[in-house]
Amino acid sequence: MTKAELIEEVSRVVEMTRKDSEVIVETIFSSVCRALHSGDKIEIRGFGSFRTRQRQSRVGRNPKTGARVDVPAKRIPYFKPSKELKDLVNGGEDHGPDLDGDDED
């Protein structure tokens, strides 16, 4: 699913304009990015958690020339899925919350 498809899905399910749905999706993504940038972790119950991990500096190799390259230490974003999400992906019965209220999947 692309971001555009996600915006369309939110627009359809919540019955609001595409523009309003785009603002909602962009706000969620920017909030997650800001939190990770400041070192916070984000926990969404039933979905998973976002956090950062520290990678140590290391010596790598340029694949074209074979020259040694120093790779600096850095933080990387990391997503850890919840047990519910893992079960759902691996064939669980539940398909997430019924946001459109029609009780059909």
N, C-alpha and C. Protein backbone atom coordinates (compact mmCIF):
# COMPACT_ATOMS: atom_id res chain seq x y z
N MET A 1 0.85 -1.18 0.00
CA MET A 1 0.00 0.00 0.00
C MET A 1 0.89 1.23 0.00
N THR A 2 0.59 2.18 -0.86
CA THR A 2 1.33 3.43 -0.90
C THR A 2 0.68 4.46 0.01
N LYS A 3 1.38 5.58 0.22
CA LYS A 3 0.80 6.63 1.05
C LYS A 3 -0.47 7.18 0.41
N ALA A 4 -0.49 7.32 -0.90
CA ALA A 4 -1.69 7.81 -1.60
C ALA A 4 -2.86 6.85 -1.40
N GLU A 5 -2.59 5.55 -1.44
CA GLU A 5 -3.66 4.57 -1.22
C GLU A 5 -4.15 4.62 0.23
N LEU A 6 -3.24 4.85 1.17
CA LEU A 6 -3.62 4.98 2.57
C LEU A 6 -4.53 6.20 2.76
N ILE A 7 -4.17 7.30 2.13
CA ILE A 7 -4.98 8.52 2.21
C ILE A 7 -6.37 8.27 1.63
N GLU A 8 -6.44 7.58 0.51
CA GLU A 8 -7.74 7.25 -0.10
C GLU A 8 -8.57 6.36 0.83
N GLU A 9 -7.93 5.38 1.47
CA GLU A 9 -8.63 4.48 2.39
C GLU A 9 -9.19 5.24 3.58
N VAL A 10 -8.39 6.13 4.17
CA VAL A 10 -8.87 6.94 5.29
C VAL A 10 -10.04 7.81 4.85
N SER A 11 -9.91 8.41 3.69
CA SER A 11 -10.97 9.26 3.15
C SER A 11 -12.27 8.48 2.98
N ARG A 12 -12.18 7.27 2.47
CA ARG A 12 -13.36 6.44 2.23
C ARG A 12 -14.00 5.97 3.54
N VAL A 13 -13.18 5.47 4.45
CA VAL A 13 -13.69 4.89 5.69
C VAL A 13 -14.29 5.96 6.60
N VAL A 14 -13.64 7.10 6.71
CA VAL A 14 -14.10 8.14 7.62
C VAL A 14 -15.07 9.10 6.94
N GLU A 15 -15.24 8.94 5.65
CA GLU A 15 -16.14 9.78 4.86
C GLU A 15 -15.81 11.26 5.01
N MET A 16 -14.57 11.59 4.67
CA MET A 16 -14.14 12.98 4.66
C MET A 16 -13.40 13.25 3.37
N THR A 17 -13.09 14.50 3.11
CA THR A 17 -12.43 14.84 1.85
C THR A 17 -11.03 14.25 1.82
N ARG A 18 -10.54 14.08 0.61
CA ARG A 18 -9.19 13.55 0.43
C ARG A 18 -8.18 14.51 1.06
N LYS A 19 -8.41 15.80 0.93
CA LYS A 19 -7.51 16.81 1.48
C LYS A 19 -7.42 16.68 3.01
N ASP A 20 -8.57 16.52 3.68
CA ASP A 20 -8.57 16.36 5.14
C ASP A 20 -7.88 15.06 5.55
N SER A 21 -8.11 14.00 4.79
CA SER A 21 -7.46 12.72 5.08
C SER A 21 -5.95 12.83 4.89
N GLU A 22 -5.52 13.59 3.89
CA GLU A 22 -4.09 13.78 3.65
C GLU A 22 -3.44 14.50 4.83
N VAL A 23 -4.13 15.50 5.38
CA VAL A 23 -3.61 16.23 6.54
C VAL A 23 -3.44 15.27 7.73
N ILE A 24 -4.41 14.41 7.95
CA ILE A 24 -4.36 13.45 9.05
C ILE A 24 -3.18 12.50 8.89
N VAL A 25 -3.05 11.90 7.71
CA VAL A 25 -1.96 10.94 7.47
C VAL A 25 -0.60 11.63 7.59
N GLU A 26 -0.46 12.81 6.99
CA GLU A 26 0.82 13.55 7.07
C GLU A 26 1.16 13.91 8.51
N THR A 27 0.15 14.29 9.30
CA THR A 27 0.37 14.64 10.70
C THR A 27 0.86 13.44 11.50
N ILE A 28 0.26 12.28 11.26
CA ILE A 28 0.70 11.07 11.96
C ILE A 28 2.15 10.75 11.61
N PHE A 29 2.48 10.75 10.32
CA PHE A 29 3.84 10.43 9.91
C PHE A 29 4.85 11.44 10.46
N SER A 30 4.53 12.73 10.41
CA SER A 30 5.48 13.73 10.90
C SER A 30 5.64 13.63 12.42
N SER A 31 4.56 13.27 13.13
CA SER A 31 4.65 13.09 14.58
C SER A 31 5.57 11.92 14.93
N VAL A 32 5.45 10.83 14.20
CA VAL A 32 6.32 9.67 14.42
C VAL A 32 7.78 10.05 14.14
N CYS A 33 8.02 10.76 13.05
CA CYS A 33 9.39 11.16 12.69
C CYS A 33 9.98 12.09 13.74
N ARG A 34 9.20 13.07 14.20
CA ARG A 34 9.68 14.00 15.23
C ARG A 34 10.02 13.26 16.53
N ALA A 35 9.16 12.34 16.93
CA ALA A 35 9.40 11.59 18.16
C ALA A 35 10.67 10.75 18.05
N LEU A 36 10.87 10.08 16.92
CA LEU A 36 12.08 9.26 16.75
C LEU A 36 13.32 10.15 16.70
N HIS A 37 13.21 11.31 16.05
CA HIS A 37 14.35 12.22 15.96
C HIS A 37 14.78 12.70 17.34
N SER A 38 13.81 12.91 18.24
CA SER A 38 14.15 13.38 19.58
C SER A 38 14.49 12.24 20.54
N GLY A 39 14.47 10.99 20.04
CA GLY A 39 14.88 9.86 20.86
C GLY A 39 13.75 9.17 21.60
N ASP A 40 12.51 9.62 21.39
CA ASP A 40 11.36 8.98 22.03
C ASP A 40 11.01 7.69 21.32
N LYS A 41 10.21 6.87 22.00
CA LYS A 41 9.69 5.68 21.34
C LYS A 41 8.18 5.81 21.24
N ILE A 42 7.60 5.20 20.25
CA ILE A 42 6.17 5.26 20.00
C ILE A 42 5.60 3.86 20.15
N GLU A 43 4.60 3.71 21.01
CA GLU A 43 3.94 2.41 21.18
C GLU A 43 2.48 2.55 20.76
N ILE A 44 2.06 1.71 19.82
CA ILE A 44 0.67 1.67 19.38
C ILE A 44 0.16 0.28 19.73
N ARG A 45 -0.64 0.20 20.78
CA ARG A 45 -1.13 -1.09 21.26
C ARG A 45 -1.86 -1.84 20.16
N GLY A 46 -1.55 -3.13 20.03
CA GLY A 46 -2.16 -3.97 19.01
C GLY A 46 -1.51 -3.84 17.65
N PHE A 47 -0.56 -2.91 17.49
CA PHE A 47 0.12 -2.72 16.20
C PHE A 47 1.61 -2.94 16.32
N GLY A 48 2.26 -2.18 17.20
CA GLY A 48 3.69 -2.36 17.39
C GLY A 48 4.32 -1.10 17.96
N SER A 49 5.65 -1.08 17.99
CA SER A 49 6.36 0.07 18.52
C SER A 49 7.48 0.48 17.57
N PHE A 50 7.70 1.79 17.54
CA PHE A 50 8.79 2.37 16.77
C PHE A 50 9.80 2.90 17.76
N ARG A 51 11.08 2.66 17.50
CA ARG A 51 12.15 3.20 18.33
C ARG A 51 13.41 3.29 17.47
N THR A 52 14.47 3.80 18.05
CA THR A 52 15.73 3.86 17.31
C THR A 52 16.74 2.93 17.98
N ARG A 53 17.66 2.47 17.18
CA ARG A 53 18.77 1.65 17.67
C ARG A 53 20.06 2.34 17.26
N GLN A 54 21.08 2.15 18.08
CA GLN A 54 22.38 2.74 17.80
C GLN A 54 23.24 1.72 17.05
N ARG A 55 23.78 2.12 15.94
CA ARG A 55 24.75 1.28 15.21
C ARG A 55 26.15 1.81 15.50
N GLN A 56 27.05 0.91 15.79
CA GLN A 56 28.43 1.28 16.08
C GLN A 56 29.16 1.66 14.78
N SER A 57 30.20 2.45 14.92
CA SER A 57 31.02 2.76 13.76
C SER A 57 31.75 1.49 13.33
N ARG A 58 32.08 1.42 12.05
CA ARG A 58 32.74 0.22 11.54
C ARG A 58 33.55 0.58 10.31
N VAL A 59 34.36 -0.36 9.88
CA VAL A 59 35.12 -0.19 8.66
C VAL A 59 34.45 -1.02 7.58
N GLY A 60 34.04 -0.37 6.50
CA GLY A 60 33.42 -1.07 5.38
C GLY A 60 34.35 -1.06 4.18
N ARG A 61 33.87 -1.60 3.08
CA ARG A 61 34.65 -1.61 1.85
C ARG A 61 33.81 -1.06 0.71
N ASN A 62 34.43 -0.26 -0.12
CA ASN A 62 33.79 0.21 -1.33
C ASN A 62 33.71 -0.99 -2.28
N PRO A 63 32.51 -1.43 -2.68
CA PRO A 63 32.41 -2.64 -3.51
C PRO A 63 33.04 -2.48 -4.90
N LYS A 64 33.14 -1.26 -5.38
CA LYS A 64 33.70 -1.04 -6.71
C LYS A 64 35.23 -1.07 -6.70
N THR A 65 35.82 -0.38 -5.70
CA THR A 65 37.28 -0.27 -5.67
C THR A 65 37.94 -1.18 -4.65
N GLY A 66 37.17 -1.63 -3.66
CA GLY A 66 37.75 -2.46 -2.60
C GLY A 66 38.44 -1.65 -1.53
N ALA A 67 38.40 -0.31 -1.65
CA ALA A 67 39.05 0.55 -0.67
C ALA A 67 38.29 0.52 0.65
N ARG A 68 39.05 0.67 1.75
CA ARG A 68 38.44 0.70 3.08
C ARG A 68 37.74 2.03 3.27
N VAL A 69 36.57 1.98 3.90
CA VAL A 69 35.78 3.19 4.15
C VAL A 69 35.33 3.16 5.60
N ASP A 70 35.55 4.27 6.32
CA ASP A 70 35.07 4.37 7.70
C ASP A 70 33.59 4.75 7.67
N VAL A 71 32.77 3.91 8.28
CA VAL A 71 31.33 4.18 8.37
C VAL A 71 31.07 4.66 9.80
N PRO A 72 30.56 5.90 9.96
CA PRO A 72 30.37 6.44 11.31
C PRO A 72 29.21 5.78 12.05
N ALA A 73 29.21 5.93 13.37
CA ALA A 73 28.09 5.44 14.18
C ALA A 73 26.85 6.25 13.82
N LYS A 74 25.68 5.61 13.93
CA LYS A 74 24.44 6.32 13.61
C LYS A 74 23.26 5.63 14.28
N ARG A 75 22.17 6.37 14.39
CA ARG A 75 20.92 5.81 14.91
C ARG A 75 20.06 5.43 13.71
N ILE A 76 19.38 4.28 13.83
CA ILE A 76 18.49 3.84 12.76
C ILE A 76 17.10 3.59 13.34
N PRO A 77 16.04 3.89 12.56
CA PRO A 77 14.69 3.59 13.04
C PRO A 77 14.44 2.09 13.01
N TYR A 78 13.64 1.62 13.95
CA TYR A 78 13.36 0.19 14.07
C TYR A 78 11.89 0.02 14.44
N PHE A 79 11.21 -0.91 13.79
CA PHE A 79 9.81 -1.22 14.10
C PHE A 79 9.73 -2.63 14.66
N LYS A 80 9.06 -2.77 15.79
CA LYS A 80 8.84 -4.08 16.40
C LYS A 80 7.34 -4.33 16.41
N PRO A 81 6.86 -5.30 15.64
CA PRO A 81 5.42 -5.57 15.59
C PRO A 81 4.91 -6.19 16.89
N SER A 82 3.63 -5.92 17.20
CA SER A 82 3.02 -6.51 18.38
C SER A 82 2.69 -7.98 18.12
N LYS A 83 2.38 -8.70 19.18
CA LYS A 83 1.97 -10.10 19.03
C LYS A 83 0.72 -10.19 18.18
N GLU A 84 -0.24 -9.27 18.38
CA GLU A 84 -1.48 -9.28 17.61
C GLU A 84 -1.21 -9.13 16.11
N LEU A 85 -0.30 -8.21 15.76
CA LEU A 85 0.02 -8.01 14.35
C LEU A 85 0.73 -9.23 13.76
N LYS A 86 1.63 -9.82 14.52
CA LYS A 86 2.32 -11.03 14.06
C LYS A 86 1.31 -12.15 13.80
N ASP A 87 0.37 -12.33 14.75
CA ASP A 87 -0.65 -13.38 14.59
C ASP A 87 -1.52 -13.11 13.37
N LEU A 88 -1.89 -11.85 13.17
CA LEU A 88 -2.73 -11.49 12.03
C LEU A 88 -2.02 -11.79 10.70
N VAL A 89 -0.76 -11.43 10.62
CA VAL A 89 0.02 -11.66 9.39
C VAL A 89 0.20 -13.15 9.14
N ASN A 90 0.28 -13.93 10.21
CA ASN A 90 0.50 -15.36 10.07
C ASN A 90 -0.78 -16.17 10.07
N GLY A 91 -1.88 -15.57 9.63
CA GLY A 91 -3.10 -16.34 9.43
C GLY A 91 -4.14 -16.25 10.50
N GLY A 92 -4.05 -15.23 11.36
CA GLY A 92 -5.06 -15.06 12.39
C GLY A 92 -6.41 -14.69 11.78
N GLU A 93 -7.46 -14.85 12.54
CA GLU A 93 -8.82 -14.59 12.07
C GLU A 93 -9.15 -13.12 12.02
N ASP A 94 -8.66 -12.34 12.97
CA ASP A 94 -9.01 -10.93 13.07
C ASP A 94 -8.34 -10.14 11.95
N HIS A 95 -9.05 -9.19 11.38
CA HIS A 95 -8.50 -8.35 10.31
C HIS A 95 -8.39 -6.91 10.77
N GLY A 96 -8.19 -6.68 12.05
CA GLY A 96 -8.06 -5.34 12.57
C GLY A 96 -9.40 -4.77 12.95
N PRO A 97 -9.42 -3.55 13.47
CA PRO A 97 -10.67 -2.94 13.91
C PRO A 97 -11.57 -2.62 12.72
N ASP A 98 -12.87 -2.75 12.93
CA ASP A 98 -13.85 -2.46 11.88
C ASP A 98 -14.19 -0.98 11.95
N LEU A 99 -13.42 -0.16 11.23
CA LEU A 99 -13.56 1.28 11.32
C LEU A 99 -14.76 1.83 10.57
N ASP A 100 -15.27 1.10 9.57
CA ASP A 100 -16.39 1.63 8.82
C ASP A 100 -17.74 1.27 9.43
N GLY A 101 -17.73 0.43 10.47
CA GLY A 101 -18.93 0.15 11.23
C GLY A 101 -19.95 -0.75 10.57
N ASP A 102 -19.61 -1.40 9.46
CA ASP A 102 -20.61 -2.23 8.79
C ASP A 102 -20.53 -3.71 9.18
N ASP A 103 -19.60 -4.05 10.10
CA ASP A 103 -19.44 -5.42 10.60
C ASP A 103 -19.19 -6.45 9.51
N GLU A 104 -18.73 -6.04 8.35
CA GLU A 104 -18.39 -6.96 7.27
C GLU A 104 -16.93 -6.80 6.92
N ASP A 105 -16.29 -7.89 6.51
CA ASP A 105 -14.88 -7.82 6.08
C ASP A 105 -14.78 -8.15 4.62
